[in-house]
mmCIF file of all heavy atoms, coordinates in Angstrom:
data_MODEL
# 
_entry.id   MODEL 
# 
loop_
_atom_site.group_PDB 
_atom_site.id 
_atom_site.type_symbol 
_atom_site.label_atom_id 
_atom_site.label_alt_id 
_atom_site.label_comp_id 
_atom_site.label_asym_id 
_atom_site.label_entity_id 
_atom_site.label_seq_id 
_atom_site.pdbx_PDB_ins_code 
_atom_site.Cartn_x 
_atom_site.Cartn_y 
_atom_site.Cartn_z 
_atom_site.occupancy 
_atom_site.B_iso_or_equiv 
_atom_site.pdbx_formal_charge 
_atom_site.auth_seq_id 
_atom_site.auth_comp_id 
_atom_site.auth_asym_id 
_atom_site.auth_atom_id 
_atom_site.pdbx_PDB_model_num 
ATOM 1   N N   . ALA A 1 1  ? -14.997 -8.519  -13.151 1.00 0.00 ? 1  ALA A N   1 
ATOM 2   C CA  . ALA A 1 1  ? -15.596 -8.269  -11.841 1.00 0.00 ? 1  ALA A CA  1 
ATOM 3   C C   . ALA A 1 1  ? -16.986 -7.663  -11.965 1.00 0.00 ? 1  ALA A C   1 
ATOM 4   O O   . ALA A 1 1  ? -17.266 -6.902  -12.890 1.00 0.00 ? 1  ALA A O   1 
ATOM 5   C CB  . ALA A 1 1  ? -14.705 -7.342  -11.015 1.00 0.00 ? 1  ALA A CB  1 
ATOM 6   N N   . ASP A 1 2  ? -17.858 -8.003  -11.007 1.00 0.00 ? 2  ASP A N   1 
ATOM 7   C CA  . ASP A 1 2  ? -19.217 -7.454  -10.946 1.00 0.00 ? 2  ASP A CA  1 
ATOM 8   C C   . ASP A 1 2  ? -19.193 -6.163  -10.132 1.00 0.00 ? 2  ASP A C   1 
ATOM 9   O O   . ASP A 1 2  ? -19.581 -6.143  -8.957  1.00 0.00 ? 2  ASP A O   1 
ATOM 10  C CB  . ASP A 1 2  ? -20.163 -8.471  -10.301 1.00 0.00 ? 2  ASP A CB  1 
ATOM 11  C CG  . ASP A 1 2  ? -20.221 -9.778  -11.067 1.00 0.00 ? 2  ASP A CG  1 
ATOM 12  O OD1 . ASP A 1 2  ? -20.939 -9.843  -12.065 1.00 0.00 ? 2  ASP A OD1 1 
ATOM 13  O OD2 . ASP A 1 2  ? -19.533 -10.739 -10.657 1.00 0.00 ? 2  ASP A OD2 1 
ATOM 14  N N   . ILE A 1 3  ? -18.754 -5.081  -10.734 1.00 0.00 ? 3  ILE A N   1 
ATOM 15  C CA  . ILE A 1 3  ? -18.639 -3.798  -10.042 1.00 0.00 ? 3  ILE A CA  1 
ATOM 16  C C   . ILE A 1 3  ? -19.150 -2.696  -10.963 1.00 0.00 ? 3  ILE A C   1 
ATOM 17  O O   . ILE A 1 3  ? -18.768 -2.639  -12.124 1.00 0.00 ? 3  ILE A O   1 
ATOM 18  C CB  . ILE A 1 3  ? -17.179 -3.501  -9.644  1.00 0.00 ? 3  ILE A CB  1 
ATOM 19  C CG1 . ILE A 1 3  ? -16.643 -4.586  -8.699  1.00 0.00 ? 3  ILE A CG1 1 
ATOM 20  C CG2 . ILE A 1 3  ? -17.067 -2.138  -8.974  1.00 0.00 ? 3  ILE A CG2 1 
ATOM 21  C CD1 . ILE A 1 3  ? -15.168 -4.444  -8.394  1.00 0.00 ? 3  ILE A CD1 1 
ATOM 22  N N   . ASP A 1 4  ? -20.027 -1.835  -10.431 1.00 0.00 ? 4  ASP A N   1 
ATOM 23  C CA  . ASP A 1 4  ? -20.525 -0.685  -11.189 1.00 0.00 ? 4  ASP A CA  1 
ATOM 24  C C   . ASP A 1 4  ? -19.910 0.621   -10.713 1.00 0.00 ? 4  ASP A C   1 
ATOM 25  O O   . ASP A 1 4  ? -19.879 1.601   -11.455 1.00 0.00 ? 4  ASP A O   1 
ATOM 26  C CB  . ASP A 1 4  ? -22.050 -0.597  -11.082 1.00 0.00 ? 4  ASP A CB  1 
ATOM 27  C CG  . ASP A 1 4  ? -22.742 -1.816  -11.671 1.00 0.00 ? 4  ASP A CG  1 
ATOM 28  O OD1 . ASP A 1 4  ? -22.237 -2.362  -12.668 1.00 0.00 ? 4  ASP A OD1 1 
ATOM 29  O OD2 . ASP A 1 4  ? -23.786 -2.228  -11.129 1.00 0.00 ? 4  ASP A OD2 1 
ATOM 30  N N   . ARG A 1 5  ? -19.462 0.645   -9.463  1.00 0.00 ? 5  ARG A N   1 
ATOM 31  C CA  . ARG A 1 5  ? -18.800 1.840   -8.937  1.00 0.00 ? 5  ARG A CA  1 
ATOM 32  C C   . ARG A 1 5  ? -17.844 1.418   -7.826  1.00 0.00 ? 5  ARG A C   1 
ATOM 33  O O   . ARG A 1 5  ? -18.093 0.441   -7.108  1.00 0.00 ? 5  ARG A O   1 
ATOM 34  C CB  . ARG A 1 5  ? -19.814 2.852   -8.416  1.00 0.00 ? 5  ARG A CB  1 
ATOM 35  C CG  . ARG A 1 5  ? -20.782 2.315   -7.386  1.00 0.00 ? 5  ARG A CG  1 
ATOM 36  C CD  . ARG A 1 5  ? -21.818 3.351   -6.994  1.00 0.00 ? 5  ARG A CD  1 
ATOM 37  N NE  . ARG A 1 5  ? -22.737 2.866   -5.990  1.00 0.00 ? 5  ARG A NE  1 
ATOM 38  C CZ  . ARG A 1 5  ? -23.879 2.233   -6.235  1.00 0.00 ? 5  ARG A CZ  1 
ATOM 39  N NH1 . ARG A 1 5  ? -24.227 1.994   -7.497  1.00 0.00 ? 5  ARG A NH1 1 
ATOM 40  N NH2 . ARG A 1 5  ? -24.667 1.830   -5.258  1.00 0.00 ? 5  ARG A NH2 1 
ATOM 41  N N   . THR A 1 6  ? -16.745 2.134   -7.693  1.00 0.00 ? 6  THR A N   1 
ATOM 42  C CA  . THR A 1 6  ? -15.739 1.754   -6.707  1.00 0.00 ? 6  THR A CA  1 
ATOM 43  C C   . THR A 1 6  ? -14.934 2.971   -6.276  1.00 0.00 ? 6  THR A C   1 
ATOM 44  O O   . THR A 1 6  ? -14.783 3.929   -7.043  1.00 0.00 ? 6  THR A O   1 
ATOM 45  C CB  . THR A 1 6  ? -14.795 0.682   -7.290  1.00 0.00 ? 6  THR A CB  1 
ATOM 46  O OG1 . THR A 1 6  ? -13.863 0.261   -6.277  1.00 0.00 ? 6  THR A OG1 1 
ATOM 47  C CG2 . THR A 1 6  ? -14.003 1.220   -8.476  1.00 0.00 ? 6  THR A CG2 1 
ATOM 48  N N   . ILE A 1 7  ? -14.443 2.922   -5.054  1.00 0.00 ? 7  ILE A N   1 
ATOM 49  C CA  . ILE A 1 7  ? -13.514 3.935   -4.561  1.00 0.00 ? 7  ILE A CA  1 
ATOM 50  C C   . ILE A 1 7  ? -12.518 3.230   -3.641  1.00 0.00 ? 7  ILE A C   1 
ATOM 51  O O   . ILE A 1 7  ? -12.892 2.329   -2.881  1.00 0.00 ? 7  ILE A O   1 
ATOM 52  C CB  . ILE A 1 7  ? -14.236 5.088   -3.831  1.00 0.00 ? 7  ILE A CB  1 
ATOM 53  C CG1 . ILE A 1 7  ? -13.239 6.179   -3.461  1.00 0.00 ? 7  ILE A CG1 1 
ATOM 54  C CG2 . ILE A 1 7  ? -14.995 4.580   -2.605  1.00 0.00 ? 7  ILE A CG2 1 
ATOM 55  C CD1 . ILE A 1 7  ? -13.891 7.474   -3.002  1.00 0.00 ? 7  ILE A CD1 1 
ATOM 56  N N   . ALA A 1 8  ? -11.250 3.608   -3.759  1.00 0.00 ? 8  ALA A N   1 
ATOM 57  C CA  . ALA A 1 8  ? -10.208 2.970   -2.961  1.00 0.00 ? 8  ALA A CA  1 
ATOM 58  C C   . ALA A 1 8  ? -9.173  4.017   -2.574  1.00 0.00 ? 8  ALA A C   1 
ATOM 59  O O   . ALA A 1 8  ? -8.963  5.004   -3.281  1.00 0.00 ? 8  ALA A O   1 
ATOM 60  C CB  . ALA A 1 8  ? -9.539  1.841   -3.746  1.00 0.00 ? 8  ALA A CB  1 
ATOM 61  N N   . ALA A 1 9  ? -8.492  3.774   -1.448  1.00 0.00 ? 9  ALA A N   1 
ATOM 62  C CA  . ALA A 1 9  ? -7.425  4.655   -0.996  1.00 0.00 ? 9  ALA A CA  1 
ATOM 63  C C   . ALA A 1 9  ? -6.470  3.838   -0.142  1.00 0.00 ? 9  ALA A C   1 
ATOM 64  O O   . ALA A 1 9  ? -6.874  2.843   0.492   1.00 0.00 ? 9  ALA A O   1 
ATOM 65  C CB  . ALA A 1 9  ? -7.973  5.839   -0.209  1.00 0.00 ? 9  ALA A CB  1 
ATOM 66  N N   . GLY A 1 10 ? -5.195  4.266   -0.132  1.00 0.00 ? 10 GLY A N   1 
ATOM 67  C CA  . GLY A 1 10 ? -4.235  3.521   0.662   1.00 0.00 ? 10 GLY A CA  1 
ATOM 68  C C   . GLY A 1 10 ? -2.921  4.240   0.829   1.00 0.00 ? 10 GLY A C   1 
ATOM 69  O O   . GLY A 1 10 ? -2.670  5.293   0.224   1.00 0.00 ? 10 GLY A O   1 
ATOM 70  N N   . LEU A 1 11 ? -2.068  3.653   1.657   1.00 0.00 ? 11 LEU A N   1 
ATOM 71  C CA  . LEU A 1 11 ? -0.742  4.178   1.955   1.00 0.00 ? 11 LEU A CA  1 
ATOM 72  C C   . LEU A 1 11 ? 0.289   3.080   1.775   1.00 0.00 ? 11 LEU A C   1 
ATOM 73  O O   . LEU A 1 11 ? 0.004   1.903   2.008   1.00 0.00 ? 11 LEU A O   1 
ATOM 74  C CB  . LEU A 1 11 ? -0.666  4.688   3.397   1.00 0.00 ? 11 LEU A CB  1 
ATOM 75  C CG  . LEU A 1 11 ? -1.470  5.934   3.771   1.00 0.00 ? 11 LEU A CG  1 
ATOM 76  C CD1 . LEU A 1 11 ? -1.470  6.099   5.284   1.00 0.00 ? 11 LEU A CD1 1 
ATOM 77  C CD2 . LEU A 1 11 ? -0.891  7.170   3.100   1.00 0.00 ? 11 LEU A CD2 1 
ATOM 78  N N   . SER A 1 12 ? 1.503   3.470   1.378   1.00 0.00 ? 12 SER A N   1 
ATOM 79  C CA  . SER A 1 12 ? 2.630   2.543   1.340   1.00 0.00 ? 12 SER A CA  1 
ATOM 80  C C   . SER A 1 12 ? 3.809   3.183   2.052   1.00 0.00 ? 12 SER A C   1 
ATOM 81  O O   . SER A 1 12 ? 4.045   4.392   1.919   1.00 0.00 ? 12 SER A O   1 
ATOM 82  C CB  . SER A 1 12 ? 3.000   2.179   -0.096  1.00 0.00 ? 12 SER A CB  1 
ATOM 83  O OG  . SER A 1 12 ? 3.442   3.313   -0.810  1.00 0.00 ? 12 SER A OG  1 
ATOM 84  N N   . LEU A 1 13 ? 4.552   2.380   2.808   1.00 0.00 ? 13 LEU A N   1 
ATOM 85  C CA  . LEU A 1 13 ? 5.693   2.860   3.576   1.00 0.00 ? 13 LEU A CA  1 
ATOM 86  C C   . LEU A 1 13 ? 6.931   2.084   3.173   1.00 0.00 ? 13 LEU A C   1 
ATOM 87  O O   . LEU A 1 13 ? 6.902   0.847   3.084   1.00 0.00 ? 13 LEU A O   1 
ATOM 88  C CB  . LEU A 1 13 ? 5.469   2.692   5.083   1.00 0.00 ? 13 LEU A CB  1 
ATOM 89  C CG  . LEU A 1 13 ? 4.606   3.728   5.811   1.00 0.00 ? 13 LEU A CG  1 
ATOM 90  C CD1 . LEU A 1 13 ? 3.138   3.576   5.410   1.00 0.00 ? 13 LEU A CD1 1 
ATOM 91  C CD2 . LEU A 1 13 ? 4.753   3.568   7.324   1.00 0.00 ? 13 LEU A CD2 1 
ATOM 92  N N   . SER A 1 14 ? 8.013   2.797   2.940   1.00 0.00 ? 14 SER A N   1 
ATOM 93  C CA  . SER A 1 14 ? 9.283   2.161   2.619   1.00 0.00 ? 14 SER A CA  1 
ATOM 94  C C   . SER A 1 14 ? 9.899   1.563   3.875   1.00 0.00 ? 14 SER A C   1 
ATOM 95  O O   . SER A 1 14 ? 9.872   2.168   4.955   1.00 0.00 ? 14 SER A O   1 
ATOM 96  C CB  . SER A 1 14 ? 10.246  3.184   2.008   1.00 0.00 ? 14 SER A CB  1 
ATOM 97  O OG  . SER A 1 14 ? 11.567  2.674   1.955   1.00 0.00 ? 14 SER A OG  1 
ATOM 98  N N   . GLY A 1 15 ? 10.491  0.390   3.723   1.00 0.00 ? 15 GLY A N   1 
ATOM 99  C CA  . GLY A 1 15 ? 11.150  -0.258  4.856   1.00 0.00 ? 15 GLY A CA  1 
ATOM 100 C C   . GLY A 1 15 ? 12.431  0.425   5.297   1.00 0.00 ? 15 GLY A C   1 
ATOM 101 O O   . GLY A 1 15 ? 13.049  0.003   6.288   1.00 0.00 ? 15 GLY A O   1 
ATOM 102 N N   . LYS A 1 16 ? 12.804  1.466   4.596   1.00 0.00 ? 16 LYS A N   1 
ATOM 103 C CA  . LYS A 1 16 ? 14.004  2.224   4.990   1.00 0.00 ? 16 LYS A CA  1 
ATOM 104 C C   . LYS A 1 16 ? 13.879  2.743   6.411   1.00 0.00 ? 16 LYS A C   1 
ATOM 105 O O   . LYS A 1 16 ? 14.885  2.891   7.121   1.00 0.00 ? 16 LYS A O   1 
ATOM 106 C CB  . LYS A 1 16 ? 14.215  3.383   4.016   1.00 0.00 ? 16 LYS A CB  1 
ATOM 107 C CG  . LYS A 1 16 ? 15.496  4.160   4.233   1.00 0.00 ? 16 LYS A CG  1 
ATOM 108 C CD  . LYS A 1 16 ? 15.659  5.246   3.182   1.00 0.00 ? 16 LYS A CD  1 
ATOM 109 C CE  . LYS A 1 16 ? 16.959  6.008   3.365   1.00 0.00 ? 16 LYS A CE  1 
ATOM 110 N NZ  . LYS A 1 16 ? 17.137  7.060   2.334   1.00 0.00 ? 16 LYS A NZ  1 
ATOM 111 N N   . GLN A 1 17 ? 12.637  2.968   6.842   1.00 0.00 ? 17 GLN A N   1 
ATOM 112 C CA  . GLN A 1 17 ? 12.413  3.524   8.183   1.00 0.00 ? 17 GLN A CA  1 
ATOM 113 C C   . GLN A 1 17 ? 12.743  2.520   9.278   1.00 0.00 ? 17 GLN A C   1 
ATOM 114 O O   . GLN A 1 17 ? 12.962  2.916   10.423  1.00 0.00 ? 17 GLN A O   1 
ATOM 115 C CB  . GLN A 1 17 ? 10.958  4.002   8.308   1.00 0.00 ? 17 GLN A CB  1 
ATOM 116 C CG  . GLN A 1 17 ? 10.618  5.107   7.312   1.00 0.00 ? 17 GLN A CG  1 
ATOM 117 C CD  . GLN A 1 17 ? 9.164   5.516   7.400   1.00 0.00 ? 17 GLN A CD  1 
ATOM 118 O OE1 . GLN A 1 17 ? 8.813   6.462   8.070   1.00 0.00 ? 17 GLN A OE1 1 
ATOM 119 N NE2 . GLN A 1 17 ? 8.309   4.785   6.694   1.00 0.00 ? 17 GLN A NE2 1 
ATOM 120 N N   . TRP A 1 18 ? 12.755  1.221   8.969   1.00 0.00 ? 18 TRP A N   1 
ATOM 121 C CA  . TRP A 1 18 ? 13.131  0.218   9.959   1.00 0.00 ? 18 TRP A CA  1 
ATOM 122 C C   . TRP A 1 18 ? 14.339  -0.606  9.486   1.00 0.00 ? 18 TRP A C   1 
ATOM 123 O O   . TRP A 1 18 ? 14.518  -1.757  9.858   1.00 0.00 ? 18 TRP A O   1 
ATOM 124 C CB  . TRP A 1 18 ? 11.959  -0.690  10.329  1.00 0.00 ? 18 TRP A CB  1 
ATOM 125 C CG  . TRP A 1 18 ? 11.223  -1.307  9.184   1.00 0.00 ? 18 TRP A CG  1 
ATOM 126 C CD1 . TRP A 1 18 ? 11.482  -2.489  8.570   1.00 0.00 ? 18 TRP A CD1 1 
ATOM 127 C CD2 . TRP A 1 18 ? 10.073  -0.772  8.525   1.00 0.00 ? 18 TRP A CD2 1 
ATOM 128 N NE1 . TRP A 1 18 ? 10.587  -2.728  7.566   1.00 0.00 ? 18 TRP A NE1 1 
ATOM 129 C CE2 . TRP A 1 18 ? 9.699   -1.690  7.520   1.00 0.00 ? 18 TRP A CE2 1 
ATOM 130 C CE3 . TRP A 1 18 ? 9.321   0.395   8.691   1.00 0.00 ? 18 TRP A CE3 1 
ATOM 131 C CZ2 . TRP A 1 18 ? 8.612   -1.467  6.677   1.00 0.00 ? 18 TRP A CZ2 1 
ATOM 132 C CZ3 . TRP A 1 18 ? 8.247   0.605   7.852   1.00 0.00 ? 18 TRP A CZ3 1 
ATOM 133 C CH2 . TRP A 1 18 ? 7.893   -0.311  6.867   1.00 0.00 ? 18 TRP A CH2 1 
ATOM 134 N N   . GLY A 1 19 ? 15.157  -0.002  8.641   1.00 0.00 ? 19 GLY A N   1 
ATOM 135 C CA  . GLY A 1 19 ? 16.423  -0.619  8.275   1.00 0.00 ? 19 GLY A CA  1 
ATOM 136 C C   . GLY A 1 19 ? 16.372  -1.619  7.148   1.00 0.00 ? 19 GLY A C   1 
ATOM 137 O O   . GLY A 1 19 ? 17.350  -2.345  6.920   1.00 0.00 ? 19 GLY A O   1 
ATOM 138 N N   . ARG A 1 20 ? 15.248  -1.673  6.391   1.00 0.00 ? 20 ARG A N   1 
ATOM 139 C CA  . ARG A 1 20 ? 15.137  -2.576  5.242   1.00 0.00 ? 20 ARG A CA  1 
ATOM 140 C C   . ARG A 1 20 ? 14.649  -1.749  4.044   1.00 0.00 ? 20 ARG A C   1 
ATOM 141 O O   . ARG A 1 20 ? 13.448  -1.729  3.727   1.00 0.00 ? 20 ARG A O   1 
ATOM 142 C CB  . ARG A 1 20 ? 14.185  -3.732  5.537   1.00 0.00 ? 20 ARG A CB  1 
ATOM 143 C CG  . ARG A 1 20 ? 14.745  -4.718  6.574   1.00 0.00 ? 20 ARG A CG  1 
ATOM 144 C CD  . ARG A 1 20 ? 13.856  -5.952  6.697   1.00 0.00 ? 20 ARG A CD  1 
ATOM 145 N NE  . ARG A 1 20 ? 13.688  -6.644  5.431   1.00 0.00 ? 20 ARG A NE  1 
ATOM 146 C CZ  . ARG A 1 20 ? 14.512  -7.592  4.979   1.00 0.00 ? 20 ARG A CZ  1 
ATOM 147 N NH1 . ARG A 1 20 ? 15.589  -7.937  5.682   1.00 0.00 ? 20 ARG A NH1 1 
ATOM 148 N NH2 . ARG A 1 20 ? 14.279  -8.187  3.826   1.00 0.00 ? 20 ARG A NH2 1 
ATOM 149 N N   . PRO A 1 21 ? 15.547  -1.048  3.389   1.00 0.00 ? 21 PRO A N   1 
ATOM 150 C CA  . PRO A 1 21 ? 15.154  -0.085  2.353   1.00 0.00 ? 21 PRO A CA  1 
ATOM 151 C C   . PRO A 1 21 ? 14.485  -0.708  1.131   1.00 0.00 ? 21 PRO A C   1 
ATOM 152 O O   . PRO A 1 21 ? 13.810  0.006   0.387   1.00 0.00 ? 21 PRO A O   1 
ATOM 153 C CB  . PRO A 1 21 ? 16.484  0.582   1.976   1.00 0.00 ? 21 PRO A CB  1 
ATOM 154 C CG  . PRO A 1 21 ? 17.536  -0.406  2.379   1.00 0.00 ? 21 PRO A CG  1 
ATOM 155 C CD  . PRO A 1 21 ? 17.008  -1.074  3.602   1.00 0.00 ? 21 PRO A CD  1 
ATOM 156 N N   . ASP A 1 22 ? 14.639  -2.008  0.915   1.00 0.00 ? 22 ASP A N   1 
ATOM 157 C CA  . ASP A 1 22 ? 14.027  -2.648  -0.249  1.00 0.00 ? 22 ASP A CA  1 
ATOM 158 C C   . ASP A 1 22 ? 12.667  -3.269  0.068   1.00 0.00 ? 22 ASP A C   1 
ATOM 159 O O   . ASP A 1 22 ? 12.041  -3.868  -0.807  1.00 0.00 ? 22 ASP A O   1 
ATOM 160 C CB  . ASP A 1 22 ? 14.958  -3.723  -0.826  1.00 0.00 ? 22 ASP A CB  1 
ATOM 161 C CG  . ASP A 1 22 ? 16.249  -3.132  -1.370  1.00 0.00 ? 22 ASP A CG  1 
ATOM 162 O OD1 . ASP A 1 22 ? 16.184  -2.014  -1.928  1.00 0.00 ? 22 ASP A OD1 1 
ATOM 163 O OD2 . ASP A 1 22 ? 17.309  -3.775  -1.247  1.00 0.00 ? 22 ASP A OD2 1 
ATOM 164 N N   . ASP A 1 23 ? 12.211  -3.152  1.317   1.00 0.00 ? 23 ASP A N   1 
ATOM 165 C CA  . ASP A 1 23 ? 10.898  -3.674  1.713   1.00 0.00 ? 23 ASP A CA  1 
ATOM 166 C C   . ASP A 1 23 ? 9.846   -2.578  1.593   1.00 0.00 ? 23 ASP A C   1 
ATOM 167 O O   . ASP A 1 23 ? 10.160  -1.377  1.615   1.00 0.00 ? 23 ASP A O   1 
ATOM 168 C CB  . ASP A 1 23 ? 10.920  -4.187  3.153   1.00 0.00 ? 23 ASP A CB  1 
ATOM 169 C CG  . ASP A 1 23 ? 11.731  -5.459  3.315   1.00 0.00 ? 23 ASP A CG  1 
ATOM 170 O OD1 . ASP A 1 23 ? 12.359  -5.889  2.324   1.00 0.00 ? 23 ASP A OD1 1 
ATOM 171 O OD2 . ASP A 1 23 ? 11.747  -6.011  4.426   1.00 0.00 ? 23 ASP A OD2 1 
ATOM 172 N N   . THR A 1 24 ? 8.587   -3.016  1.505   1.00 0.00 ? 24 THR A N   1 
ATOM 173 C CA  . THR A 1 24 ? 7.458   -2.074  1.481   1.00 0.00 ? 24 THR A CA  1 
ATOM 174 C C   . THR A 1 24 ? 6.296   -2.670  2.259   1.00 0.00 ? 24 THR A C   1 
ATOM 175 O O   . THR A 1 24 ? 5.974   -3.855  2.108   1.00 0.00 ? 24 THR A O   1 
ATOM 176 C CB  . THR A 1 24 ? 6.994   -1.797  0.037   1.00 0.00 ? 24 THR A CB  1 
ATOM 177 O OG1 . THR A 1 24 ? 8.086   -1.326  -0.744  1.00 0.00 ? 24 THR A OG1 1 
ATOM 178 C CG2 . THR A 1 24 ? 5.879   -0.758  0.016   1.00 0.00 ? 24 THR A CG2 1 
ATOM 179 N N   . TRP A 1 25 ? 5.674   -1.843  3.081   1.00 0.00 ? 25 TRP A N   1 
ATOM 180 C CA  . TRP A 1 25 ? 4.420   -2.228  3.753   1.00 0.00 ? 25 TRP A CA  1 
ATOM 181 C C   . TRP A 1 25 ? 3.305   -1.338  3.216   1.00 0.00 ? 25 TRP A C   1 
ATOM 182 O O   . TRP A 1 25 ? 3.483   -0.129  3.042   1.00 0.00 ? 25 TRP A O   1 
ATOM 183 C CB  . TRP A 1 25 ? 4.522   -2.057  5.264   1.00 0.00 ? 25 TRP A CB  1 
ATOM 184 C CG  . TRP A 1 25 ? 3.208   -2.315  5.964   1.00 0.00 ? 25 TRP A CG  1 
ATOM 185 C CD1 . TRP A 1 25 ? 2.614   -3.521  6.190   1.00 0.00 ? 25 TRP A CD1 1 
ATOM 186 C CD2 . TRP A 1 25 ? 2.309   -1.323  6.486   1.00 0.00 ? 25 TRP A CD2 1 
ATOM 187 N NE1 . TRP A 1 25 ? 1.409   -3.352  6.835   1.00 0.00 ? 25 TRP A NE1 1 
ATOM 188 C CE2 . TRP A 1 25 ? 1.193   -2.005  7.025   1.00 0.00 ? 25 TRP A CE2 1 
ATOM 189 C CE3 . TRP A 1 25 ? 2.345   0.066   6.547   1.00 0.00 ? 25 TRP A CE3 1 
ATOM 190 C CZ2 . TRP A 1 25 ? 0.133   -1.341  7.617   1.00 0.00 ? 25 TRP A CZ2 1 
ATOM 191 C CZ3 . TRP A 1 25 ? 1.282   0.725   7.138   1.00 0.00 ? 25 TRP A CZ3 1 
ATOM 192 C CH2 . TRP A 1 25 ? 0.197   0.030   7.671   1.00 0.00 ? 25 TRP A CH2 1 
ATOM 193 N N   . GLY A 1 26 ? 2.159   -1.947  2.936   1.00 0.00 ? 26 GLY A N   1 
ATOM 194 C CA  . GLY A 1 26 ? 1.045   -1.175  2.415   1.00 0.00 ? 26 GLY A CA  1 
ATOM 195 C C   . GLY A 1 26 ? -0.273  -1.570  3.040   1.00 0.00 ? 26 GLY A C   1 
ATOM 196 O O   . GLY A 1 26 ? -0.445  -2.697  3.527   1.00 0.00 ? 26 GLY A O   1 
ATOM 197 N N   . ILE A 1 27 ? -1.206  -0.628  3.039   1.00 0.00 ? 27 ILE A N   1 
ATOM 198 C CA  . ILE A 1 27 ? -2.560  -0.880  3.522   1.00 0.00 ? 27 ILE A CA  1 
ATOM 199 C C   . ILE A 1 27 ? -3.525  -0.063  2.676   1.00 0.00 ? 27 ILE A C   1 
ATOM 200 O O   . ILE A 1 27 ? -3.207  1.053   2.245   1.00 0.00 ? 27 ILE A O   1 
ATOM 201 C CB  . ILE A 1 27 ? -2.708  -0.525  5.024   1.00 0.00 ? 27 ILE A CB  1 
ATOM 202 C CG1 . ILE A 1 27 ? -4.085  -0.970  5.539   1.00 0.00 ? 27 ILE A CG1 1 
ATOM 203 C CG2 . ILE A 1 27 ? -2.453  0.960   5.275   1.00 0.00 ? 27 ILE A CG2 1 
ATOM 204 C CD1 . ILE A 1 27 ? -4.220  -0.921  7.044   1.00 0.00 ? 27 ILE A CD1 1 
ATOM 205 N N   . ALA A 1 28 ? -4.690  -0.641  2.391   1.00 0.00 ? 28 ALA A N   1 
ATOM 206 C CA  . ALA A 1 28 ? -5.665  0.040   1.535   1.00 0.00 ? 28 ALA A CA  1 
ATOM 207 C C   . ALA A 1 28 ? -7.074  -0.380  1.930   1.00 0.00 ? 28 ALA A C   1 
ATOM 208 O O   . ALA A 1 28 ? -7.295  -1.453  2.495   1.00 0.00 ? 28 ALA A O   1 
ATOM 209 C CB  . ALA A 1 28 ? -5.419  -0.292  0.062   1.00 0.00 ? 28 ALA A CB  1 
# 
């Protein structure tokens, strides 16, 4: 990749909160 500097952040949520414990939703 053509990158000299980078910063990233994100969250992941377990599907257990909506009844699917093996699922994951993420955003970054």
